[in-house]
Amino acid sequence: MAPTKFSEFNISTSCYKRVGDHEIKVDILIPKTLSSAIRPLIVRFHGGYLITGSRLFADWFPGWVLEYALLHSAIIVTPDYRLLPESSGADTNEDVSDFWVWVRRELPTFLSSSGSGINVDLEKVLVVGESAGGYLAIQSALSQPKISAAIAAYPMIDLKSDFYTKAFVKPIFGSPMLPTSIIDEHITKCIPSQVVSSAEPPDRGELAFAIVQQGRFMEFFGNGPPALFPMEQLEHVQSVPPLFIFHGLDDSAVPFEESKTFVANLKSRMPESKVFYTLEPGDHAFDTIATLETPWLKQGLEFITKEWL
């Protein structure tokens, strides 16, 4: 992507959490056209199998999210979080929970300190995420109060399924089956108590593919309470904010059946839930070329805008 992808935004960086001496960072994107105002919020989580990726990696930042924020003069906040295998899924979810505390307690102060007169409306919060970020978006929707709506793009949802727990040929983006030695060599080099919360792809890309292809994802994510697993957490929540979930029928990285099953379970348990769900032709990240005028996306965003704003 061109380095000007974020050119219509002023970007500030803060630290929302420290783990030892390690700062976990968050970027705040404010449309340059904004003047003094209280504006709605979009929280966006990046993907990367919870193993790679970073908050402002341009190639993985959906252009339509930026367009959508500009259309509604919204502030975007996008955080990093601890990555596997140096940390666990429980650590990542703890970071996300702490991030939401920072949003509610510290973000308004951070914005007001800029002297711009711009602040955030915490009654209008939309959470968005792609792939592993879709998992974190759904986790947030299931666990956090005052989420107005959520968008999950081709989300990882069923982490205990065979796709993540069994070794078989999985041609992720056409990749050949990668050897387990890639994983073992990485683990051997890990420093005890090391924290990694950001990686610029292709760094750790082969590691991520190998962990999934070799069925070792849960080995590093860890078996924890139901709260770590959307399929299980769904059985314990009383309500879910409006959701827009989309997935590619040809997804080689995260099977579309995960989204299909989650939506079916949600509608079975809470028939009154508001869900806009669509399956479209395409592989993982098929929305890269989508714009706000792409029919399926336009329809889903019209649904979500009514709930968010």
Protein backbone atom coordinates (compact mmCIF):
# COMPACT_ATOMS: atom_id res chain seq x y z
CA MET A 1 0.00 0.00 0.00
CA ALA A 2 1.09 3.55 -0.60
CA PRO A 3 2.58 5.31 2.42
CA THR A 4 -0.13 7.96 1.97
CA LYS A 5 -2.86 5.51 3.01
CA PHE A 6 -3.30 7.37 6.31
CA SER A 7 -2.65 10.83 4.86
CA GLU A 8 -6.12 12.13 5.72
CA PHE A 9 -5.58 11.46 9.42
CA ASN A 10 -3.50 12.96 12.20
CA ILE A 11 -1.94 10.05 14.09
CA SER A 12 -0.91 10.05 17.74
CA THR A 13 0.65 7.17 19.67
CA SER A 14 0.20 6.30 23.31
CA CYS A 15 0.92 3.41 25.66
CA TYR A 16 -2.15 1.78 27.17
CA LYS A 17 -0.32 -0.82 29.23
CA ARG A 18 3.09 -1.96 30.43
CA VAL A 19 4.16 -5.53 31.00
CA GLY A 20 7.39 -5.24 32.93
CA ASP A 21 9.45 -2.77 30.92
CA HIS A 22 7.53 -3.48 27.72
CA GLU A 23 5.08 -0.83 26.50
CA ILE A 24 2.04 -1.98 24.57
CA LYS A 25 1.06 0.79 22.21
CA VAL A 26 -2.06 2.20 20.64
CA ASP A 27 -2.52 4.62 17.76
CA ILE A 28 -5.25 7.25 17.59
CA LEU A 29 -6.30 8.37 14.10
CA ILE A 30 -8.23 11.63 13.86
CA PRO A 31 -9.53 12.90 10.50
CA LYS A 32 -7.72 16.11 9.59
CA THR A 33 -11.03 17.69 8.65
CA LEU A 34 -12.31 17.52 12.25
CA SER A 35 -12.60 20.68 14.29
CA SER A 36 -13.90 21.01 17.84
CA ALA A 37 -16.42 18.24 18.35
CA ILE A 38 -17.33 15.09 20.23
CA ARG A 39 -17.07 12.30 17.70
CA PRO A 40 -18.03 8.59 17.54
CA LEU A 41 -15.36 5.94 18.01
CA ILE A 42 -14.16 3.03 15.89
CA VAL A 43 -11.91 0.54 17.68
CA ARG A 44 -10.02 -1.67 15.23
CA PHE A 45 -8.06 -4.87 16.04
CA HIS A 46 -5.50 -6.18 13.54
CA GLY A 47 -5.21 -9.79 12.40
CA GLY A 48 -2.32 -12.24 12.05
CA TYR A 49 -3.43 -15.46 13.83
CA LEU A 50 -2.56 -13.68 17.14
CA ILE A 51 1.05 -14.46 16.15
CA THR A 52 2.06 -11.65 13.79
CA GLY A 53 0.81 -8.22 12.72
CA SER A 54 0.80 -4.72 14.14
CA ARG A 55 -1.69 -1.95 14.74
CA LEU A 56 -0.78 0.31 11.81
CA PHE A 57 0.59 -2.15 9.25
CA ALA A 58 -0.82 -0.50 6.13
CA ASP A 59 -1.17 -3.60 3.94
CA TRP A 60 -3.54 -5.18 6.45
CA PHE A 61 -5.49 -2.05 7.36
CA PRO A 62 -8.76 -2.18 5.39
CA GLY A 63 -9.16 0.91 3.24
CA TRP A 64 -12.92 0.83 3.68
CA VAL A 65 -12.53 1.28 7.45
CA LEU A 66 -10.64 4.51 6.82
CA GLU A 67 -13.27 5.63 4.28
CA TYR A 68 -16.05 4.79 6.72
CA ALA A 69 -14.38 6.77 9.52
CA LEU A 70 -13.98 9.78 7.25
CA LEU A 71 -17.60 9.53 6.09
CA HIS A 72 -18.84 9.72 9.68
CA SER A 73 -16.04 11.95 11.07
CA ALA A 74 -15.13 9.18 13.52
CA ILE A 75 -11.99 8.70 15.58
CA ILE A 76 -10.17 5.39 15.05
CA VAL A 77 -8.23 3.75 17.87
CA THR A 78 -6.13 0.69 17.02
CA PRO A 79 -4.05 -1.18 19.62
CA ASP A 80 -1.33 -3.79 19.67
CA TYR A 81 -1.58 -6.76 22.02
CA ARG A 82 0.67 -9.56 23.23
CA LEU A 83 1.35 -12.20 20.59
CA LEU A 84 1.70 -15.96 20.65
CA PRO A 85 3.78 -18.02 21.25
CA GLU A 86 5.71 -15.82 23.68
CA SER A 87 2.42 -15.08 25.45
CA SER A 88 -0.85 -16.99 25.74
CA GLY A 89 -4.39 -16.40 24.61
CA ALA A 90 -5.25 -15.48 28.21
CA ASP A 91 -2.54 -12.78 28.06
CA THR A 92 -3.93 -11.39 24.81
CA ASN A 93 -7.46 -11.27 26.19
CA GLU A 94 -6.17 -9.61 29.36
CA ASP A 95 -4.54 -6.94 27.18
CA VAL A 96 -7.79 -6.35 25.31
CA SER A 97 -9.68 -6.01 28.60
CA ASP A 98 -7.07 -3.54 29.90
CA PHE A 99 -7.23 -1.66 26.61
CA TRP A 100 -10.97 -1.12 27.03
CA VAL A 101 -10.35 0.23 30.53
CA TRP A 102 -7.83 2.66 28.97
CA VAL A 103 -10.37 3.71 26.33
CA ARG A 104 -12.97 4.60 28.94
CA ARG A 105 -10.68 6.14 31.55
CA GLU A 106 -7.74 7.61 29.64
CA LEU A 107 -8.69 8.22 26.00
CA PRO A 108 -10.90 11.27 26.70
CA THR A 109 -8.11 12.83 28.77
CA PHE A 110 -5.54 12.00 26.09
CA LEU A 111 -7.67 13.72 23.44
CA SER A 112 -8.50 16.77 25.55
CA SER A 113 -4.82 17.29 26.37
CA SER A 114 -4.17 17.96 22.67
CA GLY A 115 -6.02 21.25 22.95
CA SER A 116 -7.86 20.57 19.68
CA GLY A 117 -11.30 20.54 21.27
CA ILE A 118 -11.89 17.09 19.78
CA ASN A 119 -13.16 14.35 22.07
CA VAL A 120 -14.83 10.98 21.87
CA ASP A 121 -18.43 9.91 22.36
CA LEU A 122 -18.21 6.71 24.42
CA GLU A 123 -21.91 6.07 23.85
CA LYS A 124 -21.19 5.46 20.16
CA VAL A 125 -18.54 2.75 20.01
CA LEU A 126 -18.07 0.45 17.02
CA VAL A 127 -15.51 -2.36 17.24
CA VAL A 128 -14.01 -3.78 14.03
CA GLY A 129 -11.49 -6.55 13.42
CA GLU A 130 -10.19 -8.82 10.70
CA SER A 131 -9.26 -12.48 11.11
CA ALA A 132 -7.63 -12.77 14.55
CA GLY A 133 -8.77 -9.18 15.01
CA GLY A 134 -12.27 -10.43 14.21
CA TYR A 135 -11.89 -12.85 17.10
CA LEU A 136 -10.97 -9.95 19.38
CA ALA A 137 -13.86 -7.86 18.05
CA ILE A 138 -16.32 -10.64 18.85
CA GLN A 139 -14.67 -11.21 22.23
CA SER A 140 -15.14 -7.51 22.96
CA ALA A 141 -18.76 -7.60 21.83
CA LEU A 142 -19.45 -10.57 24.10
CA SER A 143 -17.66 -9.26 27.18
CA GLN A 144 -17.52 -5.46 27.17
CA PRO A 145 -20.31 -3.08 28.20
CA LYS A 146 -21.51 -0.23 26.02
CA ILE A 147 -20.37 -1.62 22.67
CA SER A 148 -22.84 -0.15 20.19
CA ALA A 149 -22.08 -2.61 17.37
CA ALA A 150 -19.33 -4.84 15.98
CA ILE A 151 -17.97 -5.83 12.58
CA ALA A 152 -16.04 -9.10 12.31
CA ALA A 153 -14.30 -9.77 9.00
CA TYR A 154 -13.55 -13.47 8.34
CA PRO A 155 -13.06 -13.98 12.09
CA MET A 156 -11.28 -16.79 13.86
CA ILE A 157 -14.03 -18.09 16.14
CA ASP A 158 -13.85 -21.86 16.65
CA LEU A 159 -10.32 -22.15 18.02
CA LYS A 160 -10.79 -25.73 19.21
CA SER A 161 -11.79 -27.02 15.78
CA ASP A 162 -9.72 -29.51 13.79
CA PHE A 163 -8.40 -26.67 11.63
CA TYR A 164 -6.33 -25.36 14.55
CA THR A 165 -5.74 -28.58 16.49
CA LYS A 166 -4.87 -31.19 13.86
CA ALA A 167 -2.06 -31.36 11.32
CA PHE A 168 -3.12 -31.75 7.70
CA VAL A 169 -2.49 -29.98 4.42
CA LYS A 170 -3.81 -26.42 4.65
CA PRO A 171 -2.69 -24.37 1.63
CA ILE A 172 -3.04 -20.99 3.36
CA PHE A 173 -2.81 -18.45 0.52
CA GLY A 174 -1.29 -21.28 -1.53
CA SER A 175 1.53 -21.89 0.95
CA PRO A 176 3.03 -25.39 0.99
CA MET A 177 2.89 -27.38 4.21
CA LEU A 178 5.57 -25.83 6.42
CA PRO A 179 7.65 -28.05 8.74
CA THR A 180 7.20 -28.14 12.49
CA SER A 181 10.91 -27.34 12.79
CA ILE A 182 10.05 -23.67 12.07
CA ILE A 183 8.05 -23.65 15.29
CA ASP A 184 10.56 -25.56 17.38
CA GLU A 185 13.46 -23.38 16.27
CA HIS A 186 11.51 -20.25 17.19
CA ILE A 187 10.62 -21.62 20.62
CA THR A 188 14.25 -22.56 21.26
CA LYS A 189 15.31 -18.97 20.63
CA CYS A 190 12.62 -17.43 22.86
CA ILE A 191 13.88 -15.61 25.91
CA PRO A 192 12.03 -16.39 29.16
CA SER A 193 9.47 -13.69 30.04
CA GLN A 194 9.94 -12.12 26.59
CA VAL A 195 7.01 -9.97 25.46
CA VAL A 196 6.24 -9.45 21.77
CA SER A 197 3.30 -7.19 20.95
CA SER A 198 4.05 -6.11 17.39
CA ALA A 199 5.52 -7.72 14.28
CA GLU A 200 5.67 -6.26 10.78
CA PRO A 201 4.77 -8.95 8.23
CA PRO A 202 6.29 -10.91 6.65
CA ASP A 203 8.08 -11.24 10.01
CA ARG A 204 6.66 -14.30 11.82
CA GLY A 205 4.38 -15.09 8.88
CA GLU A 206 5.83 -18.54 8.28
CA LEU A 207 5.71 -19.18 12.02
CA ALA A 208 2.00 -18.37 12.06
CA PHE A 209 1.27 -20.55 9.05
CA ALA A 210 3.30 -23.45 10.46
CA ILE A 211 1.56 -23.33 13.85
CA VAL A 212 -1.85 -23.52 12.19
CA GLN A 213 -0.89 -26.05 9.52
CA GLN A 214 0.71 -28.34 12.09
CA GLY A 215 -2.32 -28.14 14.37
CA ARG A 216 -0.37 -26.61 17.25
CA PHE A 217 -2.34 -23.41 17.77
CA MET A 218 -3.96 -24.48 21.04
CA GLU A 219 -0.56 -25.57 22.37
CA PHE A 220 0.39 -21.90 22.52
CA PHE A 221 -3.02 -20.28 22.92
CA GLY A 222 -3.69 -22.44 25.96
CA ASN A 223 -6.76 -24.17 27.29
CA GLY A 224 -8.53 -21.69 29.49
CA PRO A 225 -12.00 -20.78 30.74
CA PRO A 226 -15.01 -20.47 28.41
CA ALA A 227 -14.50 -16.70 28.37
CA LEU A 228 -11.56 -17.20 25.98
CA PHE A 229 -13.65 -19.02 23.38
CA PRO A 230 -16.51 -17.26 21.56
CA MET A 231 -18.43 -20.47 20.90
CA GLU A 232 -18.44 -21.26 24.63
CA GLN A 233 -18.80 -17.69 25.86
CA LEU A 234 -21.92 -17.36 23.74
CA GLU A 235 -23.63 -19.86 26.03
CA HIS A 236 -23.17 -17.59 29.05
CA VAL A 237 -23.97 -14.07 27.81
CA GLN A 238 -27.41 -12.53 28.07
CA SER A 239 -27.21 -10.16 25.12
CA VAL A 240 -25.03 -9.38 22.11
CA PRO A 241 -24.74 -6.01 20.35
CA PRO A 242 -25.65 -5.83 16.66
CA LEU A 243 -23.12 -7.72 14.52
CA PHE A 244 -22.02 -7.51 10.90
CA ILE A 245 -20.03 -10.65 10.03
CA PHE A 246 -18.66 -11.39 6.57
CA HIS A 247 -16.50 -14.21 5.27
CA GLY A 248 -15.11 -15.47 1.97
CA LEU A 249 -16.41 -18.74 0.59
CA ASP A 250 -12.91 -19.59 -0.63
CA ASP A 251 -11.10 -18.61 2.58
CA SER A 252 -7.91 -20.68 2.89
CA ALA A 253 -6.77 -19.14 6.19
CA VAL A 254 -9.92 -19.24 8.35
CA PRO A 255 -12.73 -21.60 7.27
CA PHE A 256 -16.01 -19.79 6.61
CA GLU A 257 -17.82 -22.56 8.49
CA GLU A 258 -16.64 -20.94 11.73
CA SER A 259 -18.70 -17.82 11.06
CA LYS A 260 -21.62 -19.87 9.78
CA THR A 261 -21.74 -21.99 12.94
CA PHE A 262 -21.34 -19.01 15.26
CA VAL A 263 -24.21 -17.12 13.63
CA ALA A 264 -26.42 -20.24 13.73
CA ASN A 265 -25.66 -20.76 17.44
CA LEU A 266 -26.30 -17.08 18.20
CA LYS A 267 -29.66 -17.06 16.39
CA SER A 268 -30.64 -20.32 18.07
CA ARG A 269 -29.88 -19.05 21.56
CA MET A 270 -30.96 -15.43 21.06
CA PRO A 271 -33.36 -15.26 18.10
CA GLU A 272 -33.90 -11.55 18.71
CA SER A 273 -30.22 -10.75 18.08
CA LYS A 274 -29.49 -8.31 15.28
CA VAL A 275 -27.04 -9.88 12.85
CA PHE A 276 -26.15 -9.05 9.26
CA TYR A 277 -24.23 -12.03 7.91
CA THR A 278 -22.94 -12.55 4.40
CA LEU A 279 -20.75 -15.07 2.60
CA GLU A 280 -19.09 -13.75 -0.53
CA PRO A 281 -16.81 -15.27 -3.19
CA GLY A 282 -13.14 -14.82 -2.33
CA ASP A 283 -10.20 -15.85 -0.18
CA HIS A 284 -9.09 -14.41 3.13
CA ALA A 285 -8.94 -10.60 3.09
CA PHE A 286 -11.16 -10.47 -0.01
CA ASP A 287 -12.42 -7.08 1.18
CA THR A 288 -9.05 -5.48 0.34
CA ILE A 289 -10.50 -4.17 -2.91
CA ALA A 290 -13.90 -3.27 -1.45
CA THR A 291 -15.11 0.32 -1.19
CA LEU A 292 -18.11 1.86 0.52
CA GLU A 293 -19.98 1.39 -2.76
CA THR A 294 -19.32 -2.37 -3.00
CA PRO A 295 -22.90 -3.73 -2.77
CA TRP A 296 -22.49 -6.36 -0.03
CA LEU A 297 -20.34 -4.04 2.10
CA LYS A 298 -22.63 -1.06 1.55
CA GLN A 299 -25.61 -3.07 2.68
CA GLY A 300 -23.85 -4.34 5.80
CA LEU A 301 -22.57 -0.89 6.74
CA GLU A 302 -26.02 0.65 6.29
CA PHE A 303 -27.27 -1.92 8.82
CA ILE A 304 -24.45 -1.26 11.26
CA THR A 305 -24.56 2.55 10.96
CA LYS A 306 -28.14 2.64 12.19
CA GLU A 307 -27.09 0.70 15.30
CA TRP A 308 -23.82 2.56 15.90
CA LEU A 309 -25.02 6.12 15.36
